[in-house]
Amino acid sequence: MPLNEELRARAEHNERFLATFELSNTLFLDWAVVVAFYTAVRYVDAYFYPDRPVDHPERNAWVASRQRTRPIWLYYRELYNQSREARYELGKFSLIDVQRLVQNNLSRIKTHLLRQP
């Protein structure tokens, strides 16, 4: 199932924005976490298209329970949780934390979804 082009383009747009953060020299690591999560959301939505979850709980349930997305669930869930931490709990993040979320979690989600038939 190829990814929906419009949603994939939005994910790539978000990735370009994320790349503008000089992670080693920014005061906005929390926002980098939020952008990484919403990039993952767009890739997930592009995968599920034309079906689209109506909210985060439904999307989380779909990613966790569907055979082809289950392998990325732990990476997605961590991005979701860390994004909530950044948005609602005033979480503080180290450079290493953010690099891991972007280079490990987001990268694995993207790569996995792009490889799906």
PDB file of N, CA and C in Angstrom:
ATOM      1  N   MET A   1       0.849  -1.168   0.000  1.00  0.00           N
ATOM      2  CA  MET A   1       0.000   0.000   0.000  1.00  0.00           C
ATOM      3  C   MET A   1       0.901   1.240   0.000  1.00  0.00           C
ATOM      4  N   PRO A   2       1.006   1.939  -1.109  1.00  0.00           N
ATOM      5  CA  PRO A   2       1.861   3.131  -1.149  1.00  0.00           C
ATOM      6  C   PRO A   2       1.269   4.249  -0.294  1.00  0.00           C
ATOM      7  N   LEU A   3       2.143   5.065   0.235  1.00  0.00           N
ATOM      8  CA  LEU A   3       1.697   6.166   1.080  1.00  0.00           C
ATOM      9  C   LEU A   3       0.964   7.223   0.250  1.00  0.00           C
ATOM     10  N   ASN A   4      -0.049   7.810   0.838  1.00  0.00           N
ATOM     11  CA  ASN A   4      -0.768   8.908   0.198  1.00  0.00           C
ATOM     12  C   ASN A   4       0.210  10.053  -0.041  1.00  0.00           C
ATOM     13  N   GLU A   5       0.247  10.546  -1.265  1.00  0.00           N
ATOM     14  CA  GLU A   5       1.250  11.543  -1.651  1.00  0.00           C
ATOM     15  C   GLU A   5       1.090  12.882  -0.930  1.00  0.00           C
ATOM     16  N   GLU A   6      -0.140  13.326  -0.752  1.00  0.00           N
ATOM     17  CA  GLU A   6      -0.366  14.619  -0.087  1.00  0.00           C
ATOM     18  C   GLU A   6       0.086  14.576   1.375  1.00  0.00           C
ATOM     19  N   LEU A   7      -0.258  13.490   2.068  1.00  0.00           N
ATOM     20  CA  LEU A   7       0.141  13.360   3.467  1.00  0.00           C
ATOM     21  C   LEU A   7       1.640  13.100   3.591  1.00  0.00           C
ATOM     22  N   ARG A   8       2.177  12.332   2.654  1.00  0.00           N
ATOM     23  CA  ARG A   8       3.628  12.111   2.651  1.00  0.00           C
ATOM     24  C   ARG A   8       4.357  13.435   2.414  1.00  0.00           C
ATOM     25  N   ALA A   9       3.847  14.257   1.509  1.00  0.00           N
ATOM     26  CA  ALA A   9       4.469  15.560   1.255  1.00  0.00           C
ATOM     27  C   ALA A   9       4.438  16.428   2.509  1.00  0.00           C
ATOM     28  N   ARG A  10       3.362  16.347   3.276  1.00  0.00           N
ATOM     29  CA  ARG A  10       3.285  17.123   4.528  1.00  0.00           C
ATOM     30  C   ARG A  10       4.301  16.594   5.534  1.00  0.00           C
ATOM     31  N   ALA A  11       4.475  15.285   5.593  1.00  0.00           N
ATOM     32  CA  ALA A  11       5.486  14.713   6.482  1.00  0.00           C
ATOM     33  C   ALA A  11       6.874  15.205   6.077  1.00  0.00           C
ATOM     34  N   GLU A  12       7.145  15.211   4.786  1.00  0.00           N
ATOM     35  CA  GLU A  12       8.449  15.682   4.300  1.00  0.00           C
ATOM     36  C   GLU A  12       8.620  17.178   4.560  1.00  0.00           C
ATOM     37  N   HIS A  13       7.543  17.934   4.452  1.00  0.00           N
ATOM     38  CA  HIS A  13       7.557  19.357   4.786  1.00  0.00           C
ATOM     39  C   HIS A  13       7.953  19.533   6.264  1.00  0.00           C
ATOM     40  N   ASN A  14       7.336  18.730   7.132  1.00  0.00           N
ATOM     41  CA  ASN A  14       7.673  18.784   8.558  1.00  0.00           C
ATOM     42  C   ASN A  14       9.139  18.404   8.797  1.00  0.00           C
ATOM     43  N   GLU A  15       9.612  17.413   8.063  1.00  0.00           N
ATOM     44  CA  GLU A  15      11.020  17.014   8.201  1.00  0.00           C
ATOM     45  C   GLU A  15      11.964  18.143   7.804  1.00  0.00           C
ATOM     46  N   ARG A  16      11.615  18.865   6.751  1.00  0.00           N
ATOM     47  CA  ARG A  16      12.456  19.999   6.346  1.00  0.00           C
ATOM     48  C   ARG A  16      12.475  21.068   7.439  1.00  0.00           C
ATOM     49  N   PHE A  17      11.330  21.303   8.066  1.00  0.00           N
ATOM     50  CA  PHE A  17      11.284  22.246   9.182  1.00  0.00           C
ATOM     51  C   PHE A  17      12.153  21.746  10.334  1.00  0.00           C
ATOM     52  N   LEU A  18      12.031  20.476  10.659  1.00  0.00           N
ATOM     53  CA  LEU A  18      12.838  19.892  11.731  1.00  0.00           C
ATOM     54  C   LEU A  18      14.326  20.064  11.449  1.00  0.00           C
ATOM     55  N   ALA A  19      14.717  19.939  10.193  1.00  0.00           N
ATOM     56  CA  ALA A  19      16.128  20.072   9.815  1.00  0.00           C
ATOM     57  C   ALA A  19      16.648  21.490  10.008  1.00  0.00           C
ATOM     58  N   THR A  20      15.742  22.472  10.119  1.00  0.00           N
ATOM     59  CA  THR A  20      16.193  23.854  10.338  1.00  0.00           C
ATOM     60  C   THR A  20      16.645  24.093  11.772  1.00  0.00           C
ATOM     61  N   PHE A  21      16.257  23.214  12.673  1.00  0.00           N
ATOM     62  CA  PHE A  21      16.739  23.319  14.047  1.00  0.00           C
ATOM     63  C   PHE A  21      18.197  22.874  14.069  1.00  0.00           C
ATOM     64  N   GLU A  22      19.071  23.722  14.515  1.00  0.00           N
ATOM     65  CA  GLU A  22      20.445  23.291  14.762  1.00  0.00           C
ATOM     66  C   GLU A  22      20.427  22.689  16.160  1.00  0.00           C
ATOM     67  N   LEU A  23      20.195  21.393  16.217  1.00  0.00           N
ATOM     68  CA  LEU A  23      19.939  20.747  17.504  1.00  0.00           C
ATOM     69  C   LEU A  23      21.029  21.015  18.535  1.00  0.00           C
ATOM     70  N   SER A  24      22.275  21.065  18.096  1.00  0.00           N
ATOM     71  CA  SER A  24      23.362  21.274  19.053  1.00  0.00           C
ATOM     72  C   SER A  24      23.451  22.723  19.527  1.00  0.00           C
ATOM     73  N   ASN A  25      22.620  23.598  18.931  1.00  0.00           N
ATOM     74  CA  ASN A  25      22.748  25.018  19.261  1.00  0.00           C
ATOM     75  C   ASN A  25      21.387  25.705  19.373  1.00  0.00           C
ATOM     76  N   THR A  26      20.357  24.952  19.762  1.00  0.00           N
ATOM     77  CA  THR A  26      19.033  25.568  19.850  1.00  0.00           C
ATOM     78  C   THR A  26      18.533  25.585  21.286  1.00  0.00           C
ATOM     79  N   LEU A  27      17.724  26.544  21.571  1.00  0.00           N
ATOM     80  CA  LEU A  27      17.041  26.615  22.861  1.00  0.00           C
ATOM     81  C   LEU A  27      15.685  25.922  22.795  1.00  0.00           C
ATOM     82  N   PHE A  28      15.348  25.356  21.628  1.00  0.00           N
ATOM     83  CA  PHE A  28      14.007  24.850  21.377  1.00  0.00           C
ATOM     84  C   PHE A  28      13.972  23.341  21.138  1.00  0.00           C
ATOM     85  N   LEU A  29      14.705  22.592  21.941  1.00  0.00           N
ATOM     86  CA  LEU A  29      14.708  21.138  21.799  1.00  0.00           C
ATOM     87  C   LEU A  29      13.311  20.559  22.025  1.00  0.00           C
ATOM     88  N   ASP A  30      12.538  21.178  22.892  1.00  0.00           N
ATOM     89  CA  ASP A  30      11.175  20.707  23.118  1.00  0.00           C
ATOM     90  C   ASP A  30      10.347  20.786  21.836  1.00  0.00           C
ATOM     91  N   TRP A  31      10.516  21.856  21.079  1.00  0.00           N
ATOM     92  CA  TRP A  31       9.778  21.991  19.827  1.00  0.00           C
ATOM     93  C   TRP A  31      10.270  21.005  18.776  1.00  0.00           C
ATOM     94  N   ALA A  32      11.529  20.671  18.816  1.00  0.00           N
ATOM     95  CA  ALA A  32      12.040  19.654  17.889  1.00  0.00           C
ATOM     96  C   ALA A  32      11.357  18.319  18.158  1.00  0.00           C
ATOM     97  N   VAL A  33      11.119  18.008  19.423  1.00  0.00           N
ATOM     98  CA  VAL A  33      10.415  16.769  19.778  1.00  0.00           C
ATOM     99  C   VAL A  33       8.988  16.803  19.230  1.00  0.00           C
ATOM    100  N   VAL A  34       8.315  17.931  19.382  1.00  0.00           N
ATOM    101  CA  VAL A  34       6.938  18.074  18.891  1.00  0.00           C
ATOM    102  C   VAL A  34       6.896  17.919  17.373  1.00  0.00           C
ATOM    103  N   VAL A  35       7.818  18.555  16.677  1.00  0.00           N
ATOM    104  CA  VAL A  35       7.847  18.458  15.213  1.00  0.00           C
ATOM    105  C   VAL A  35       8.150  17.024  14.783  1.00  0.00           C
ATOM    106  N   ALA A  36       9.056  16.357  15.469  1.00  0.00           N
ATOM    107  CA  ALA A  36       9.364  14.959  15.144  1.00  0.00           C
ATOM    108  C   ALA A  36       8.119  14.096  15.282  1.00  0.00           C
ATOM    109  N   PHE A  37       7.374  14.305  16.365  1.00  0.00           N
ATOM    110  CA  PHE A  37       6.145  13.530  16.550  1.00  0.00           C
ATOM    111  C   PHE A  37       5.136  13.803  15.440  1.00  0.00           C
ATOM    112  N   TYR A  38       4.897  15.071  15.131  1.00  0.00           N
ATOM    113  CA  TYR A  38       3.891  15.369  14.103  1.00  0.00           C
ATOM    114  C   TYR A  38       4.347  14.940  12.709  1.00  0.00           C
ATOM    115  N   THR A  39       5.629  14.822  12.508  1.00  0.00           N
ATOM    116  CA  THR A  39       6.125  14.234  11.264  1.00  0.00           C
ATOM    117  C   THR A  39       5.735  12.757  11.217  1.00  0.00           C
ATOM    118  N   ALA A  40       5.928  12.071  12.330  1.00  0.00           N
ATOM    119  CA  ALA A  40       5.529  10.660  12.409  1.00  0.00           C
ATOM    120  C   ALA A  40       4.025  10.508  12.201  1.00  0.00           C
ATOM    121  N   VAL A  41       3.238  11.408  12.776  1.00  0.00           N
ATOM    122  CA  VAL A  41       1.779  11.364  12.602  1.00  0.00           C
ATOM    123  C   VAL A  41       1.426  11.414  11.123  1.00  0.00           C
ATOM    124  N   ARG A  42       2.056  12.297  10.386  1.00  0.00           N
ATOM    125  CA  ARG A  42       1.738  12.433   8.956  1.00  0.00           C
ATOM    126  C   ARG A  42       2.133  11.172   8.186  1.00  0.00           C
ATOM    127  N   TYR A  43       3.286  10.576   8.518  1.00  0.00           N
ATOM    128  CA  TYR A  43       3.659   9.331   7.845  1.00  0.00           C
ATOM    129  C   TYR A  43       2.656   8.222   8.157  1.00  0.00           C
ATOM    130  N   VAL A  44       2.239   8.138   9.409  1.00  0.00           N
ATOM    131  CA  VAL A  44       1.252   7.122   9.793  1.00  0.00           C
ATOM    132  C   VAL A  44      -0.072   7.366   9.069  1.00  0.00           C
ATOM    133  N   ASP A  45      -0.531   8.606   9.069  1.00  0.00           N
ATOM    134  CA  ASP A  45      -1.781   8.912   8.368  1.00  0.00           C
ATOM    135  C   ASP A  45      -1.671   8.612   6.873  1.00  0.00           C
ATOM    136  N   ALA A  46      -0.517   8.901   6.291  1.00  0.00           N
ATOM    137  CA  ALA A  46      -0.305   8.605   4.869  1.00  0.00           C
ATOM    138  C   ALA A  46      -0.364   7.104   4.614  1.00  0.00           C
ATOM    139  N   TYR A  47       0.119   6.319   5.561  1.00  0.00           N
ATOM    140  CA  TYR A  47       0.076   4.869   5.416  1.00  0.00           C
ATOM    141  C   TYR A  47      -1.371   4.354   5.479  1.00  0.00           C
ATOM    142  N   PHE A  48      -2.134   4.841   6.444  1.00  0.00           N
ATOM    143  CA  PHE A  48      -3.491   4.340   6.639  1.00  0.00           C
ATOM    144  C   PHE A  48      -4.496   4.878   5.616  1.00  0.00           C
ATOM    145  N   TYR A  49      -4.147   5.917   4.903  1.00  0.00           N
ATOM    146  CA  TYR A  49      -5.061   6.538   3.936  1.00  0.00           C
ATOM    147  C   TYR A  49      -5.593   5.490   2.960  1.00  0.00           C
ATOM    148  N   PRO A  50      -6.867   5.502   2.599  1.00  0.00           N
ATOM    149  CA  PRO A  50      -7.821   6.581   2.780  1.00  0.00           C
ATOM    150  C   PRO A  50      -8.515   6.583   4.143  1.00  0.00           C
ATOM    151  N   ASP A  51      -8.318   5.541   4.931  1.00  0.00           N
ATOM    152  CA  ASP A  51      -8.822   5.587   6.300  1.00  0.00           C
ATOM    153  C   ASP A  51      -7.925   6.523   7.095  1.00  0.00           C
ATOM    154  N   ARG A  52      -8.517   7.273   7.985  1.00  0.00           N
ATOM    155  CA  ARG A  52      -7.720   8.160   8.829  1.00  0.00           C
ATOM    156  C   ARG A  52      -8.276   8.123  10.233  1.00  0.00           C
ATOM    157  N   PRO A  53      -7.415   7.886  11.197  1.00  0.00           N
ATOM    158  CA  PRO A  53      -7.869   7.938  12.583  1.00  0.00           C
ATOM    159  C   PRO A  53      -8.389   9.342  12.898  1.00  0.00           C
ATOM    160  N   VAL A  54      -9.368   9.416  13.777  1.00  0.00           N
ATOM    161  CA  VAL A  54      -9.968  10.716  14.078  1.00  0.00           C
ATOM    162  C   VAL A  54      -9.202  11.485  15.153  1.00  0.00           C
ATOM    163  N   ASP A  55      -8.388  10.775  15.936  1.00  0.00           N
ATOM    164  CA  ASP A  55      -7.652  11.458  17.004  1.00  0.00           C
ATOM    165  C   ASP A  55      -6.444  10.615  17.416  1.00  0.00           C
ATOM    166  N   HIS A  56      -5.679  11.149  18.341  1.00  0.00           N
ATOM    167  CA  HIS A  56      -4.468  10.433  18.769  1.00  0.00           C
ATOM    168  C   HIS A  56      -4.770   9.078  19.412  1.00  0.00           C
ATOM    169  N   PRO A  57      -5.751   8.962  20.307  1.00  0.00           N
ATOM    170  CA  PRO A  57      -6.016   7.634  20.879  1.00  0.00           C
ATOM    171  C   PRO A  57      -6.360   6.582  19.818  1.00  0.00           C
ATOM    172  N   GLU A  58      -7.161   6.968  18.836  1.00  0.00           N
ATOM    173  CA  GLU A  58      -7.495   6.008  17.784  1.00  0.00           C
ATOM    174  C   GLU A  58      -6.256   5.664  16.947  1.00  0.00           C
ATOM    175  N   ARG A  59      -5.460   6.678  16.614  1.00  0.00           N
ATOM    176  CA  ARG A  59      -4.240   6.431  15.832  1.00  0.00           C
ATOM    177  C   ARG A  59      -3.312   5.500  16.619  1.00  0.00           C
ATOM    178  N   ASN A  60      -3.150   5.773  17.907  1.00  0.00           N
ATOM    179  CA  ASN A  60      -2.296   4.921  18.743  1.00  0.00           C
ATOM    180  C   ASN A  60      -2.783   3.478  18.722  1.00  0.00           C
ATOM    181  N   ALA A  61      -4.085   3.302  18.841  1.00  0.00           N
ATOM    182  CA  ALA A  61      -4.649   1.949  18.828  1.00  0.00           C
ATOM    183  C   ALA A  61      -4.395   1.261  17.492  1.00  0.00           C
ATOM    184  N   TRP A  62      -4.552   1.993  16.398  1.00  0.00           N
ATOM    185  CA  TRP A  62      -4.304   1.405  15.075  1.00  0.00           C
ATOM    186  C   TRP A  62      -2.847   0.987  14.928  1.00  0.00           C
ATOM    187  N   VAL A  63      -1.929   1.874  15.286  1.00  0.00           N
ATOM    188  CA  VAL A  63      -0.500   1.556  15.140  1.00  0.00           C
ATOM    189  C   VAL A  63      -0.148   0.352  16.008  1.00  0.00           C
ATOM    190  N   ALA A  64      -0.671   0.315  17.231  1.00  0.00           N
ATOM    191  CA  ALA A  64      -0.343  -0.766  18.166  1.00  0.00           C
ATOM    192  C   ALA A  64      -0.925  -2.109  17.758  1.00  0.00           C
ATOM    193  N   SER A  65      -2.083  -2.092  17.089  1.00  0.00           N
ATOM    194  CA  SER A  65      -2.803  -3.345  16.879  1.00  0.00           C
ATOM    195  C   SER A  65      -2.717  -3.928  15.472  1.00  0.00           C
ATOM    196  N   ARG A  66      -2.321  -3.152  14.520  1.00  0.00           N
ATOM    197  CA  ARG A  66      -2.319  -3.665  13.143  1.00  0.00           C
ATOM    198  C   ARG A  66      -0.977  -4.325  12.830  1.00  0.00           C
ATOM    199  N   GLN A  67      -1.081  -5.451  12.180  1.00  0.00           N
ATOM    200  CA  GLN A  67       0.094  -6.293  11.957  1.00  0.00           C
ATOM    201  C   GLN A  67       1.267  -5.538  11.324  1.00  0.00           C
ATOM    202  N   ARG A  68       0.996  -4.747  10.316  1.00  0.00           N
ATOM    203  CA  ARG A  68       2.097  -4.096   9.592  1.00  0.00           C
ATOM    204  C   ARG A  68       2.663  -2.875  10.299  1.00  0.00           C
ATOM    205  N   THR A  69       1.942  -2.327  11.254  1.00  0.00           N
ATOM    206  CA  THR A  69       2.459  -1.167  11.989  1.00  0.00           C
ATOM    207  C   THR A  69       2.908  -1.527  13.404  1.00  0.00           C
ATOM    208  N   ARG A  70       2.555  -2.695  13.860  1.00  0.00           N
ATOM    209  CA  ARG A  70       2.958  -3.110  15.207  1.00  0.00           C
ATOM    210  C   ARG A  70       4.475  -3.017  15.425  1.00  0.00           C
ATOM    211  N   PRO A  71       5.323  -3.324  14.426  1.00  0.00           N
ATOM    212  CA  PRO A  71       6.774  -3.229  14.663  1.00  0.00           C
ATOM    213  C   PRO A  71       7.271  -1.811  14.993  1.00  0.00           C
ATOM    214  N   ILE A  72       6.503  -0.789  14.646  1.00  0.00           N
ATOM    215  CA  ILE A  72       6.947   0.581  14.949  1.00  0.00           C
ATOM    216  C   ILE A  72       6.257   1.152  16.178  1.00  0.00           C
ATOM    217  N   TRP A  73       5.375   0.381  16.792  1.00  0.00           N
ATOM    218  CA  TRP A  73       4.567   0.900  17.892  1.00  0.00           C
ATOM    219  C   TRP A  73       5.415   1.495  19.019  1.00  0.00           C
ATOM    220  N   LEU A  74       6.430   0.807  19.474  1.00  0.00           N
ATOM    221  CA  LEU A  74       7.223   1.322  20.601  1.00  0.00           C
ATOM    222  C   LEU A  74       7.905   2.639  20.257  1.00  0.00           C
ATOM    223  N   TYR A  75       8.381   2.774  19.035  1.00  0.00           N
ATOM    224  CA  TYR A  75       9.015   4.026  18.601  1.00  0.00           C
ATOM    225  C   TYR A  75       7.984   5.148  18.514  1.00  0.00           C
ATOM    226  N   TYR A  76       6.828   4.814  17.964  1.00  0.00           N
ATOM    227  CA  TYR A  76       5.762   5.810  17.833  1.00  0.00           C
ATOM    228  C   TYR A  76       5.249   6.230  19.213  1.00  0.00           C
ATOM    229  N   ARG A  77       5.018   5.260  20.072  1.00  0.00           N
ATOM    230  CA  ARG A  77       4.502   5.563  21.412  1.00  0.00           C
ATOM    231  C   ARG A  77       5.462   6.462  22.181  1.00  0.00           C
ATOM    232  N   GLU A  78       6.749   6.203  22.053  1.00  0.00           N
ATOM    233  CA  GLU A  78       7.707   7.056  22.753  1.00  0.00           C
ATOM    234  C   GLU A  78       7.675   8.484  22.204  1.00  0.00           C
ATOM    235  N   LEU A  79       7.606   8.640  20.892  1.00  0.00           N
ATOM    236  CA  LEU A  79       7.486   9.989  20.327  1.00  0.00           C
ATOM    237  C   LEU A  79       6.207  10.666  20.814  1.00  0.00           C
ATOM    238  N   TYR A  80       5.113   9.936  20.832  1.00  0.00           N
ATOM    239  CA  TYR A  80       3.846  10.468  21.325  1.00  0.00           C
ATOM    240  C   TYR A  80       3.997  10.935  22.773  1.00  0.00           C
ATOM    241  N   ASN A  81       4.524  10.068  23.624  1.00  0.00           N
ATOM    242  CA  ASN A  81       4.674  10.399  25.046  1.00  0.00           C
ATOM    243  C   ASN A  81       5.617  11.581  25.259  1.00  0.00           C
ATOM    244  N   GLN A  82       6.726  11.597  24.553  1.00  0.00           N
ATOM    245  CA  GLN A  82       7.684  12.685  24.727  1.00  0.00           C
ATOM    246  C   GLN A  82       7.122  14.001  24.188  1.00  0.00           C
ATOM    247  N   SER A  83       6.328  13.930  23.127  1.00  0.00           N
ATOM    248  CA  SER A  83       5.688  15.128  22.610  1.00  0.00           C
ATOM    249  C   SER A  83       4.686  15.681  23.623  1.00  0.00           C
ATOM    250  N   ARG A  84       3.938  14.806  24.249  1.00  0.00           N
ATOM    251  CA  ARG A  84       3.015  15.250  25.304  1.00  0.00           C
ATOM    252  C   ARG A  84       3.788  15.864  26.463  1.00  0.00           C
ATOM    253  N   GLU A  85       4.895  15.253  26.803  1.00  0.00           N
ATOM    254  CA  GLU A  85       5.749  15.793  27.868  1.00  0.00           C
ATOM    255  C   GLU A  85       6.200  17.206  27.509  1.00  0.00           C
ATOM    256  N   ALA A  86       6.601  17.407  26.278  1.00  0.00           N
ATOM    257  CA  ALA A  86       7.055  18.730  25.830  1.00  0.00           C
ATOM    258  C   ALA A  86       5.907  19.743  25.836  1.00  0.00           C
ATOM    259  N   ARG A  87       4.736  19.312  25.378  1.00  0.00           N
ATOM    260  CA  ARG A  87       3.613  20.249  25.223  1.00  0.00           C
ATOM    261  C   ARG A  87       2.889  20.544  26.519  1.00  0.00           C
ATOM    262  N   TYR A  88       2.702  19.551  27.367  1.00  0.00           N
ATOM    263  CA  TYR A  88       1.813  19.724  28.520  1.00  0.00           C
ATOM    264  C   TYR A  88       2.513  19.688  29.873  1.00  0.00           C
ATOM    265  N   GLU A  89       3.684  19.083  29.923  1.00  0.00           N
ATOM    266  CA  GLU A  89       4.363  18.913  31.214  1.00  0.00           C
ATOM    267  C   GLU A  89       5.621  19.756  31.332  1.00  0.00           C
ATOM    268  N   LEU A  90       5.858  20.617  30.337  1.00  0.00           N
ATOM    269  CA  LEU A  90       7.044  21.486  30.325  1.00  0.00           C
ATOM    270  C   LEU A  90       8.336  20.683  30.423  1.00  0.00           C
ATOM    271  N   GLY A  91       8.342  19.537  29.745  1.00  0.00           N
ATOM    272  CA  GLY A  91       9.502  18.657  29.781  1.00  0.00           C
ATOM    273  C   GLY A  91      10.759  19.325  29.240  1.00  0.00           C
ATOM    274  N   LYS A  92      11.861  18.962  29.810  1.00  0.00           N
ATOM    275  CA  LYS A  92      13.163  19.436  29.346  1.00  0.00           C
ATOM    276  C   LYS A  92      13.875  18.251  28.703  1.00  0.00           C
ATOM    277  N   PHE A  93      14.553  18.525  27.599  1.00  0.00           N
ATOM    278  CA  PHE A  93      15.176  17.467  26.826  1.00  0.00           C
ATOM    279  C   PHE A  93      16.633  17.799  26.586  1.00  0.00           C
ATOM    280  N   SER A  94      17.457  16.772  26.645  1.00  0.00           N
ATOM    281  CA  SER A  94      18.873  16.952  26.322  1.00  0.00           C
ATOM    282  C   SER A  94      19.056  16.775  24.817  1.00  0.00           C
ATOM    283  N   LEU A  95      20.169  17.246  24.336  1.00  0.00           N
ATOM    284  CA  LEU A  95      20.513  17.058  22.932  1.00  0.00           C
ATOM    285  C   LEU A  95      20.508  15.577  22.577  1.00  0.00           C
ATOM    286  N   ILE A  96      21.069  14.760  23.432  1.00  0.00           N
ATOM    287  CA  ILE A  96      21.127  13.315  23.172  1.00  0.00           C
ATOM    288  C   ILE A  96      19.726  12.725  23.090  1.00  0.00           C
ATOM    289  N   ASP A  97      18.827  13.152  23.984  1.00  0.00           N
ATOM    290  CA  ASP A  97      17.440  12.669  23.941  1.00  0.00           C
ATOM    291  C   ASP A  97      16.796  12.970  22.588  1.00  0.00           C
ATOM    292  N   VAL A  98      16.952  14.203  22.147  1.00  0.00           N
ATOM    293  CA  VAL A  98      16.291  14.627  20.908  1.00  0.00           C
ATOM    294  C   VAL A  98      16.922  13.950  19.703  1.00  0.00           C
ATOM    295  N   GLN A  99      18.224  13.860  19.684  1.00  0.00           N
ATOM    296  CA  GLN A  99      18.883  13.167  18.568  1.00  0.00           C
ATOM    297  C   GLN A  99      18.407  11.726  18.475  1.00  0.00           C
ATOM    298  N   ARG A 100      18.252  11.063  19.612  1.00  0.00           N
ATOM    299  CA  ARG A 100      17.784   9.676  19.616  1.00  0.00           C
ATOM    300  C   ARG A 100      16.348   9.593  19.095  1.00  0.00           C
ATOM    301  N   LEU A 101      15.494  10.503  19.530  1.00  0.00           N
ATOM    302  CA  LEU A 101      14.101  10.483  19.072  1.00  0.00           C
ATOM    303  C   LEU A 101      13.999  10.717  17.569  1.00  0.00           C
ATOM    304  N   VAL A 102      14.835  11.615  17.052  1.00  0.00           N
ATOM    305  CA  VAL A 102      14.793  11.926  15.617  1.00  0.00           C
ATOM    306  C   VAL A 102      15.493  10.841  14.807  1.00  0.00           C
ATOM    307  N   GLN A 103      16.706  10.512  15.187  1.00  0.00           N
ATOM    308  CA  GLN A 103      17.523   9.596  14.382  1.00  0.00           C
ATOM    309  C   GLN A 103      17.131   8.138  14.561  1.00  0.00           C
ATOM    310  N   ASN A 104      16.575   7.801  15.700  1.00  0.00           N
ATOM    311  CA  ASN A 104      16.178   6.414  15.934  1.00  0.00           C
ATOM    312  C   ASN A 104      14.681   6.241  15.706  1.00  0.00           C
ATOM    313  N   ASN A 105      13.878   6.892  16.516  1.00  0.00           N
ATOM    314  CA  ASN A 105      12.439   6.651  16.455  1.00  0.00           C
ATOM    315  C   ASN A 105      11.818   7.114  15.145  1.00  0.00           C
ATOM    316  N   LEU A 106      11.947   8.395  14.837  1.00  0.00           N
ATOM    317  CA  LEU A 106      11.328   8.916  13.618  1.00  0.00           C
ATOM    318  C   LEU A 106      11.883   8.225  12.382  1.00  0.00           C
ATOM    319  N   SER A 107      13.169   8.044  12.335  1.00  0.00           N
ATOM    320  CA  SER A 107      13.790   7.399  11.179  1.00  0.00           C
ATOM    321  C   SER A 107      13.264   5.979  10.980  1.00  0.00           C
ATOM    322  N   ARG A 108      13.115   5.230  12.060  1.00  0.00           N
ATOM    323  CA  ARG A 108      12.610   3.857  11.951  1.00  0.00           C
ATOM    324  C   ARG A 108      11.150   3.824  11.505  1.00  0.00           C
ATOM    325  N   ILE A 109      10.356   4.748  12.023  1.00  0.00           N
ATOM    326  CA  ILE A 109       8.950   4.823  11.617  1.00  0.00           C
ATOM    327  C   ILE A 109       8.857   5.103  10.120  1.00  0.00           C
ATOM    328  N   LYS A 110       9.561   6.113   9.678  1.00  0.00           N
ATOM    329  CA  LYS A 110       9.532   6.500   8.270  1.00  0.00           C
ATOM    330  C   LYS A 110      10.003   5.352   7.379  1.00  0.00           C
ATOM    331  N   THR A 111      11.148   4.800   7.704  1.00  0.00           N
ATOM    332  CA  THR A 111      11.720   3.728   6.890  1.00  0.00           C
ATOM    333  C   THR A 111      10.777   2.528   6.818  1.00  0.00           C
ATOM    334  N   HIS A 112      10.225   2.162   7.949  1.00  0.00           N
ATOM    335  CA  HIS A 112       9.319   1.002   7.979  1.00  0.00           C
ATOM    336  C   HIS A 112       8.079   1.244   7.098  1.00  0.00           C
ATOM    337  N   LEU A 113       7.479   2.415   7.235  1.00  0.00           N
ATOM    338  CA  LEU A 113       6.264   2.698   6.475  1.00  0.00           C
ATOM    339  C   LEU A 113       6.529   2.828   4.986  1.00  0.00           C
ATOM    340  N   LEU A 114       7.664   3.378   4.626  1.00  0.00           N
ATOM    341  CA  LEU A 114       7.998   3.503   3.201  1.00  0.00           C
ATOM    342  C   LEU A 114       8.260   2.145   2.544  1.00  0.00           C
ATOM    343  N   ARG A 115       8.619   1.169   3.332  1.00  0.00           N
ATOM    344  CA  ARG A 115       8.909  -0.171   2.804  1.00  0.00           C
ATOM    345  C   ARG A 115       7.684  -1.058   2.693  1.00  0.00           C
ATOM    346  N   GLN A 116       6.566  -0.615   3.230  1.00  0.00           N
ATOM    347  CA  GLN A 116       5.359  -1.458   3.210  1.00  0.00           C
ATOM    348  C   GLN A 116       4.797  -1.537   1.799  1.00  0.00           C
ATOM    349  N   PRO A 117       4.357  -2.734   1.415  1.00  0.00           N
ATOM    350  CA  PRO A 117       3.772  -2.896   0.071  1.00  0.00           C
ATOM    351  C   PRO A 117       2.437  -2.166  -0.054  1.00  0.00           C
TER     352      PRO A 117
END
